[in-house]
């Protein structure tokens, strides 16, 4: 089975999703990620500096980018920073390996309307993480 991967220059996802996804990979404890620990730290710290005036947190649980207070310019700067750091390191594709796991926390009440809207926008079995591994017929027979 091939490892999941992401083309850094053409990720086929919106910049917001790209920045949040890459920052989550960089702050994860994944050991099978083709980014050095130093580069992972640099990517997060540089993006953090574009959003905040205080230094980045040292507690791993607090190392999360929150772009809700930013602007389109902030988002563009974060995406450009990530891409340029990968280019300097000659990394064109991110690759990692991680088994699918159960969600670690429940959605906040504020997120439920968005989750409901996404469910209507993308109907299907919400428990299927990898659509290529759906049961025959493409739907969950228990629904």
N, C-alpha and C. Protein backbone atom coordinates (compact mmCIF):
# COMPACT_ATOMS: atom_id res chain seq x y z
N UNK A 1 0.85 -1.19 0.00
CA UNK A 1 0.00 0.00 0.00
C UNK A 1 0.89 1.25 0.00
N UNK A 2 0.60 2.19 -0.86
CA UNK A 2 1.40 3.41 -0.98
C UNK A 2 1.14 4.33 0.21
N UNK A 3 2.18 5.08 0.56
CA UNK A 3 2.03 6.05 1.65
C UNK A 3 1.30 7.27 1.11
N UNK A 4 0.50 7.93 1.98
CA UNK A 4 -0.14 9.18 1.55
C UNK A 4 0.93 10.21 1.20
N UNK A 5 0.61 11.08 0.24
CA UNK A 5 1.57 12.10 -0.15
C UNK A 5 0.82 13.37 -0.56
N UNK A 6 1.58 14.46 -0.64
CA UNK A 6 1.03 15.76 -0.99
C UNK A 6 2.05 16.50 -1.83
N UNK A 7 1.67 16.92 -3.04
CA UNK A 7 2.52 17.73 -3.91
C UNK A 7 2.53 19.14 -3.32
N UNK A 8 3.69 19.60 -2.91
CA UNK A 8 3.81 20.88 -2.21
C UNK A 8 3.43 22.06 -3.10
N UNK A 9 3.84 22.03 -4.37
CA UNK A 9 3.56 23.16 -5.25
C UNK A 9 2.16 23.12 -5.84
N UNK A 10 1.56 21.96 -5.94
CA UNK A 10 0.21 21.82 -6.49
C UNK A 10 -0.58 20.83 -5.63
N UNK A 11 -0.97 21.26 -4.42
CA UNK A 11 -1.60 20.33 -3.49
C UNK A 11 -3.05 19.97 -3.82
N UNK A 12 -3.64 20.64 -4.80
CA UNK A 12 -5.04 20.41 -5.18
C UNK A 12 -5.99 20.58 -3.99
N UNK A 13 -5.71 21.61 -3.19
CA UNK A 13 -6.59 22.00 -2.09
C UNK A 13 -6.43 23.50 -1.88
N UNK A 14 -7.43 24.14 -1.30
CA UNK A 14 -7.32 25.59 -1.05
C UNK A 14 -6.14 25.89 -0.12
N UNK A 15 -5.59 27.11 -0.24
CA UNK A 15 -4.44 27.49 0.58
C UNK A 15 -4.70 27.33 2.08
N UNK A 16 -5.90 27.68 2.53
CA UNK A 16 -6.20 27.55 3.96
C UNK A 16 -6.04 26.10 4.40
N UNK A 17 -6.60 25.19 3.65
CA UNK A 17 -6.49 23.77 3.98
C UNK A 17 -5.03 23.32 3.90
N UNK A 18 -4.31 23.77 2.90
CA UNK A 18 -2.91 23.43 2.73
C UNK A 18 -2.08 23.87 3.94
N UNK A 19 -2.23 25.13 4.33
CA UNK A 19 -1.45 25.67 5.46
C UNK A 19 -1.79 24.92 6.74
N UNK A 20 -3.07 24.72 7.01
CA UNK A 20 -3.46 24.02 8.24
C UNK A 20 -2.99 22.57 8.21
N UNK A 21 -3.10 21.92 7.06
CA UNK A 21 -2.70 20.52 6.94
C UNK A 21 -1.20 20.36 7.15
N UNK A 22 -0.41 21.19 6.47
CA UNK A 22 1.05 21.10 6.60
C UNK A 22 1.48 21.45 8.03
N UNK A 23 0.87 22.46 8.62
CA UNK A 23 1.27 22.81 10.00
C UNK A 23 0.90 21.68 10.96
N UNK A 24 -0.23 21.01 10.71
CA UNK A 24 -0.60 19.87 11.55
C UNK A 24 0.40 18.72 11.38
N UNK A 25 0.82 18.47 10.14
CA UNK A 25 1.85 17.43 9.93
C UNK A 25 3.15 17.81 10.64
N UNK A 26 3.52 19.09 10.55
CA UNK A 26 4.78 19.53 11.14
C UNK A 26 4.77 19.45 12.66
N UNK A 27 3.64 19.60 13.28
CA UNK A 27 3.57 19.56 14.74
C UNK A 27 3.14 18.20 15.26
N UNK A 28 2.90 17.26 14.35
CA UNK A 28 2.51 15.91 14.77
C UNK A 28 3.73 15.16 15.29
N UNK A 29 3.45 14.04 15.92
CA UNK A 29 4.57 13.20 16.38
C UNK A 29 4.83 12.05 15.41
N UNK A 30 4.40 12.25 14.15
CA UNK A 30 4.66 11.22 13.14
C UNK A 30 6.15 11.02 12.97
N UNK A 31 6.56 9.78 12.97
CA UNK A 31 7.98 9.48 12.74
C UNK A 31 8.25 9.18 11.28
N UNK A 32 7.21 8.81 10.53
CA UNK A 32 7.39 8.50 9.11
C UNK A 32 6.91 9.66 8.25
N UNK A 33 7.58 10.79 8.41
CA UNK A 33 7.29 12.00 7.64
C UNK A 33 8.62 12.46 7.06
N UNK A 34 8.64 12.76 5.76
CA UNK A 34 9.91 13.08 5.11
C UNK A 34 10.34 14.54 5.30
N UNK A 35 10.14 15.05 6.49
CA UNK A 35 10.58 16.41 6.85
C UNK A 35 11.40 16.28 8.13
N UNK A 36 12.57 16.87 8.15
CA UNK A 36 13.41 16.80 9.35
C UNK A 36 12.72 17.53 10.51
N UNK A 37 13.03 17.13 11.73
CA UNK A 37 12.45 17.84 12.89
C UNK A 37 12.77 19.34 12.87
N UNK A 38 13.97 19.70 12.41
CA UNK A 38 14.36 21.11 12.36
C UNK A 38 13.48 21.88 11.37
N UNK A 39 13.25 21.30 10.20
CA UNK A 39 12.41 21.96 9.20
C UNK A 39 10.96 22.04 9.69
N UNK A 40 10.49 21.01 10.34
CA UNK A 40 9.14 21.03 10.89
C UNK A 40 8.97 22.21 11.85
N UNK A 41 9.96 22.38 12.72
CA UNK A 41 9.92 23.48 13.70
C UNK A 41 9.98 24.83 12.99
N UNK A 42 10.86 24.94 12.01
CA UNK A 42 11.02 26.21 11.28
C UNK A 42 9.73 26.59 10.57
N UNK A 43 9.09 25.65 9.91
CA UNK A 43 7.85 25.94 9.19
C UNK A 43 6.80 26.47 10.15
N UNK A 44 6.59 25.76 11.25
CA UNK A 44 5.58 26.21 12.21
C UNK A 44 5.94 27.59 12.77
N UNK A 45 7.19 27.75 13.22
CA UNK A 45 7.60 29.00 13.85
C UNK A 45 7.48 30.20 12.91
N UNK A 46 7.83 30.01 11.64
CA UNK A 46 7.73 31.13 10.67
C UNK A 46 6.26 31.50 10.41
N UNK A 47 5.41 30.49 10.28
CA UNK A 47 3.98 30.78 10.09
C UNK A 47 3.40 31.44 11.33
N UNK A 48 3.80 30.97 12.50
CA UNK A 48 3.33 31.56 13.76
C UNK A 48 3.71 33.04 13.80
N UNK A 49 4.94 33.35 13.41
CA UNK A 49 5.43 34.73 13.44
C UNK A 49 4.65 35.65 12.50
N UNK A 50 4.06 35.10 11.45
CA UNK A 50 3.26 35.91 10.53
C UNK A 50 1.90 36.27 11.14
N UNK A 51 1.49 35.53 12.16
CA UNK A 51 0.16 35.71 12.75
C UNK A 51 0.21 36.38 14.11
N UNK A 52 1.29 36.12 14.86
CA UNK A 52 1.38 36.56 16.26
C UNK A 52 2.59 37.45 16.49
N UNK A 53 2.51 38.24 17.57
CA UNK A 53 3.66 39.05 17.97
C UNK A 53 4.47 38.36 19.05
N UNK A 54 3.85 37.46 19.81
CA UNK A 54 4.59 36.74 20.85
C UNK A 54 5.30 35.53 20.24
N UNK A 55 6.32 35.03 20.93
CA UNK A 55 7.06 33.88 20.39
C UNK A 55 6.17 32.63 20.33
N UNK A 56 6.53 31.68 19.46
CA UNK A 56 5.72 30.47 19.36
C UNK A 56 5.76 29.67 20.66
N UNK A 57 4.68 28.97 20.96
CA UNK A 57 4.66 28.18 22.20
C UNK A 57 5.66 27.03 22.13
N UNK A 58 6.17 26.65 23.29
CA UNK A 58 7.09 25.51 23.36
C UNK A 58 6.35 24.24 23.73
N UNK A 59 5.20 24.37 24.36
CA UNK A 59 4.39 23.20 24.72
C UNK A 59 3.80 22.62 23.43
N UNK A 60 4.11 21.36 23.11
CA UNK A 60 3.60 20.76 21.86
C UNK A 60 2.08 20.84 21.71
N UNK A 61 1.33 20.77 22.79
CA UNK A 61 -0.13 20.81 22.71
C UNK A 61 -0.65 22.19 22.31
N UNK A 62 0.18 23.22 22.48
CA UNK A 62 -0.22 24.59 22.14
C UNK A 62 0.27 25.01 20.75
N UNK A 63 1.01 24.16 20.09
CA UNK A 63 1.57 24.51 18.77
C UNK A 63 0.54 24.21 17.68
N UNK A 64 -0.45 25.09 17.60
CA UNK A 64 -1.54 24.97 16.64
C UNK A 64 -1.73 26.35 16.00
N UNK A 65 -1.78 26.39 14.67
CA UNK A 65 -2.03 27.67 14.00
C UNK A 65 -3.52 27.96 13.99
N UNK A 66 -3.88 29.16 14.38
CA UNK A 66 -5.26 29.61 14.32
C UNK A 66 -5.29 30.80 13.37
N UNK A 67 -5.80 30.57 12.18
CA UNK A 67 -5.79 31.61 11.15
C UNK A 67 -7.08 32.43 11.11
N UNK A 68 -7.98 32.20 12.05
CA UNK A 68 -9.27 32.91 12.01
C UNK A 68 -9.12 34.42 12.13
N UNK A 69 -8.08 34.90 12.82
CA UNK A 69 -7.90 36.34 12.97
C UNK A 69 -7.06 36.95 11.87
N UNK A 70 -6.58 36.13 10.95
CA UNK A 70 -5.71 36.62 9.89
C UNK A 70 -6.49 37.14 8.70
N UNK A 71 -5.73 37.60 7.73
CA UNK A 71 -6.32 38.12 6.50
C UNK A 71 -5.90 37.22 5.34
N UNK A 72 -6.39 37.51 4.16
CA UNK A 72 -5.99 36.77 2.96
C UNK A 72 -4.48 36.93 2.74
N UNK A 73 -3.97 38.11 3.05
CA UNK A 73 -2.54 38.36 2.91
C UNK A 73 -1.73 37.47 3.87
N UNK A 74 -2.23 37.31 5.10
CA UNK A 74 -1.57 36.43 6.07
C UNK A 74 -1.54 35.00 5.55
N UNK A 75 -2.67 34.55 5.03
CA UNK A 75 -2.77 33.19 4.50
C UNK A 75 -1.80 33.00 3.32
N UNK A 76 -1.77 33.97 2.40
CA UNK A 76 -0.85 33.90 1.26
C UNK A 76 0.60 33.85 1.73
N UNK A 77 0.92 34.64 2.76
CA UNK A 77 2.29 34.67 3.29
C UNK A 77 2.65 33.32 3.91
N UNK A 78 1.73 32.71 4.64
CA UNK A 78 1.99 31.39 5.24
C UNK A 78 2.20 30.34 4.15
N UNK A 79 1.35 30.32 3.14
CA UNK A 79 1.48 29.34 2.06
C UNK A 79 2.80 29.55 1.32
N UNK A 80 3.16 30.79 1.03
CA UNK A 80 4.42 31.08 0.34
C UNK A 80 5.63 30.69 1.18
N UNK A 81 5.55 30.95 2.47
CA UNK A 81 6.64 30.59 3.39
C UNK A 81 6.84 29.08 3.39
N UNK A 82 5.75 28.33 3.51
CA UNK A 82 5.84 26.87 3.51
C UNK A 82 6.47 26.37 2.22
N UNK A 83 5.96 26.86 1.09
CA UNK A 83 6.47 26.40 -0.21
C UNK A 83 7.95 26.76 -0.39
N UNK A 84 8.35 27.96 0.03
CA UNK A 84 9.75 28.36 -0.16
C UNK A 84 10.67 27.55 0.75
N UNK A 85 10.24 27.24 1.97
CA UNK A 85 11.07 26.42 2.87
C UNK A 85 11.23 25.01 2.31
N UNK A 86 10.17 24.46 1.74
CA UNK A 86 10.28 23.14 1.11
C UNK A 86 11.19 23.20 -0.11
N UNK A 87 11.08 24.26 -0.89
CA UNK A 87 11.93 24.40 -2.08
C UNK A 87 13.40 24.48 -1.67
N UNK A 88 13.70 25.25 -0.62
CA UNK A 88 15.08 25.35 -0.13
C UNK A 88 15.61 23.99 0.31
N UNK A 89 14.72 23.14 0.84
CA UNK A 89 15.12 21.81 1.31
C UNK A 89 15.01 20.76 0.20
N UNK A 90 14.68 21.20 -1.01
CA UNK A 90 14.50 20.29 -2.16
C UNK A 90 13.44 19.22 -1.91
N UNK A 91 12.38 19.61 -1.23
CA UNK A 91 11.25 18.70 -0.99
C UNK A 91 10.10 19.15 -1.87
N UNK A 92 9.69 18.27 -2.79
CA UNK A 92 8.58 18.60 -3.68
C UNK A 92 7.30 17.87 -3.29
N UNK A 93 7.45 16.76 -2.57
CA UNK A 93 6.30 15.95 -2.17
C UNK A 93 6.45 15.55 -0.71
N UNK A 94 5.43 15.82 0.08
CA UNK A 94 5.41 15.34 1.46
C UNK A 94 4.90 13.92 1.44
N UNK A 95 5.52 13.07 2.24
CA UNK A 95 5.05 11.69 2.36
C UNK A 95 5.07 11.31 3.83
N UNK A 96 4.04 10.58 4.24
CA UNK A 96 3.94 10.16 5.62
C UNK A 96 3.19 8.84 5.67
N UNK A 97 3.24 8.22 6.81
CA UNK A 97 2.49 6.99 7.01
C UNK A 97 1.85 7.08 8.38
N UNK A 98 0.58 6.89 8.42
CA UNK A 98 -0.14 6.95 9.68
C UNK A 98 -1.41 6.16 9.55
N UNK A 99 -1.60 5.19 10.44
CA UNK A 99 -2.86 4.44 10.37
C UNK A 99 -4.04 5.33 10.74
N UNK A 100 -5.18 5.04 10.17
CA UNK A 100 -6.39 5.79 10.50
C UNK A 100 -6.72 5.53 11.96
N UNK A 101 -7.00 6.59 12.70
CA UNK A 101 -7.31 6.44 14.12
C UNK A 101 -8.66 7.06 14.42
N UNK A 102 -9.16 6.73 15.58
CA UNK A 102 -10.42 7.31 16.04
C UNK A 102 -10.21 8.79 16.34
N UNK A 103 -11.27 9.62 16.21
CA UNK A 103 -11.13 11.03 16.57
C UNK A 103 -10.72 11.16 18.03
N UNK A 104 -9.84 12.13 18.30
CA UNK A 104 -9.34 12.28 19.66
C UNK A 104 -10.24 13.17 20.51
N UNK A 105 -11.12 13.92 19.88
CA UNK A 105 -12.03 14.76 20.66
C UNK A 105 -13.32 14.98 19.87
N UNK A 106 -14.37 15.32 20.60
CA UNK A 106 -15.65 15.61 19.95
C UNK A 106 -15.62 17.02 19.37
N UNK A 107 -16.47 17.25 18.40
CA UNK A 107 -16.57 18.58 17.80
C UNK A 107 -17.20 19.53 18.80
N UNK A 108 -16.75 20.77 18.75
CA UNK A 108 -17.34 21.77 19.63
C UNK A 108 -18.74 22.11 19.13
N UNK A 109 -19.61 22.56 20.02
CA UNK A 109 -20.97 22.93 19.58
C UNK A 109 -20.96 23.97 18.46
N UNK A 110 -19.95 24.86 18.47
CA UNK A 110 -19.87 25.89 17.43
C UNK A 110 -19.59 25.29 16.06
N UNK A 111 -18.90 24.15 16.03
CA UNK A 111 -18.53 23.52 14.76
C UNK A 111 -19.65 22.68 14.18
N UNK A 112 -20.62 22.29 14.99
CA UNK A 112 -21.66 21.37 14.50
C UNK A 112 -22.44 21.90 13.29
N UNK A 113 -22.83 23.19 13.23
CA UNK A 113 -23.51 23.67 12.02
C UNK A 113 -22.65 23.52 10.76
N UNK A 114 -21.35 23.78 10.88
CA UNK A 114 -20.45 23.63 9.74
C UNK A 114 -20.36 22.16 9.34
N UNK A 115 -20.23 21.28 10.31
CA UNK A 115 -20.16 19.84 10.02
C UNK A 115 -21.44 19.38 9.33
N UNK A 116 -22.58 19.88 9.79
CA UNK A 116 -23.86 19.54 9.17
C UNK A 116 -23.91 20.02 7.72
N UNK A 117 -23.46 21.26 7.48
CA UNK A 117 -23.44 21.80 6.11
C UNK A 117 -22.50 21.00 5.22
N UNK A 118 -21.34 20.64 5.74
CA UNK A 118 -20.41 19.83 4.95
C UNK A 118 -21.01 18.47 4.63
N UNK A 119 -21.76 17.91 5.58
CA UNK A 119 -22.42 16.63 5.34
C UNK A 119 -23.45 16.72 4.23
N UNK A 120 -24.13 17.86 4.13
CA UNK A 120 -25.11 18.04 3.04
C UNK A 120 -24.40 18.31 1.72
N UNK A 121 -23.26 19.00 1.78
CA UNK A 121 -22.51 19.32 0.58
C UNK A 121 -21.84 18.07 0.01
N UNK A 122 -21.35 17.20 0.90
CA UNK A 122 -20.65 15.97 0.50
C UNK A 122 -21.35 14.78 1.13
N UNK A 123 -22.52 14.40 0.59
CA UNK A 123 -23.25 13.29 1.19
C UNK A 123 -22.47 11.99 1.03
N UNK A 124 -22.76 11.09 1.89
CA UNK A 124 -22.06 9.80 1.88
C UNK A 124 -21.82 9.37 3.30
N UNK A 125 -21.17 8.27 3.45
CA UNK A 125 -20.91 7.75 4.79
C UNK A 125 -19.83 8.61 5.45
N UNK A 126 -20.17 9.35 6.51
CA UNK A 126 -19.19 10.22 7.14
C UNK A 126 -18.11 9.44 7.88
N UNK A 127 -18.31 8.15 8.09
CA UNK A 127 -17.33 7.36 8.80
C UNK A 127 -16.27 6.78 7.88
N UNK A 128 -16.43 6.97 6.56
CA UNK A 128 -15.46 6.45 5.61
C UNK A 128 -14.38 7.52 5.41
N UNK A 129 -13.18 7.21 5.88
CA UNK A 129 -12.07 8.15 5.75
C UNK A 129 -11.45 8.03 4.37
N UNK A 130 -11.34 6.81 3.88
CA UNK A 130 -10.73 6.56 2.58
C UNK A 130 -11.79 5.96 1.66
N UNK A 131 -12.37 6.78 0.77
CA UNK A 131 -13.44 6.29 -0.09
C UNK A 131 -13.04 5.09 -0.94
N UNK A 132 -11.76 4.90 -1.20
CA UNK A 132 -11.35 3.77 -2.03
C UNK A 132 -11.49 2.44 -1.29
N UNK A 133 -11.75 2.51 0.02
CA UNK A 133 -11.91 1.29 0.80
C UNK A 133 -13.33 1.11 1.30
N UNK A 134 -14.31 1.65 0.59
CA UNK A 134 -15.71 1.47 0.96
C UNK A 134 -16.13 0.04 0.67
N UNK A 135 -17.15 -0.45 1.39
CA UNK A 135 -17.66 -1.77 1.07
C UNK A 135 -18.29 -1.77 -0.32
N UNK A 136 -18.44 -2.94 -0.93
CA UNK A 136 -19.06 -3.00 -2.27
C UNK A 136 -20.42 -2.28 -2.26
N UNK A 137 -20.68 -1.54 -3.29
CA UNK A 137 -21.93 -0.76 -3.37
C UNK A 137 -21.73 0.67 -2.92
N UNK A 138 -20.60 0.94 -2.23
CA UNK A 138 -20.24 2.32 -1.89
C UNK A 138 -20.97 2.91 -0.71
N UNK A 139 -21.79 2.18 0.00
CA UNK A 139 -22.46 2.79 1.14
C UNK A 139 -22.40 1.83 2.31
N UNK A 140 -22.70 2.36 3.45
CA UNK A 140 -22.68 1.57 4.66
C UNK A 140 -24.03 0.88 4.81
N UNK A 141 -24.08 -0.45 4.81
CA UNK A 141 -25.37 -1.15 4.85
C UNK A 141 -26.09 -0.97 6.19
N UNK A 142 -25.43 -0.44 7.22
CA UNK A 142 -26.09 -0.26 8.51
C UNK A 142 -26.90 1.03 8.58
N UNK A 143 -26.79 1.87 7.56
CA UNK A 143 -27.53 3.14 7.61
C UNK A 143 -28.93 2.97 7.10
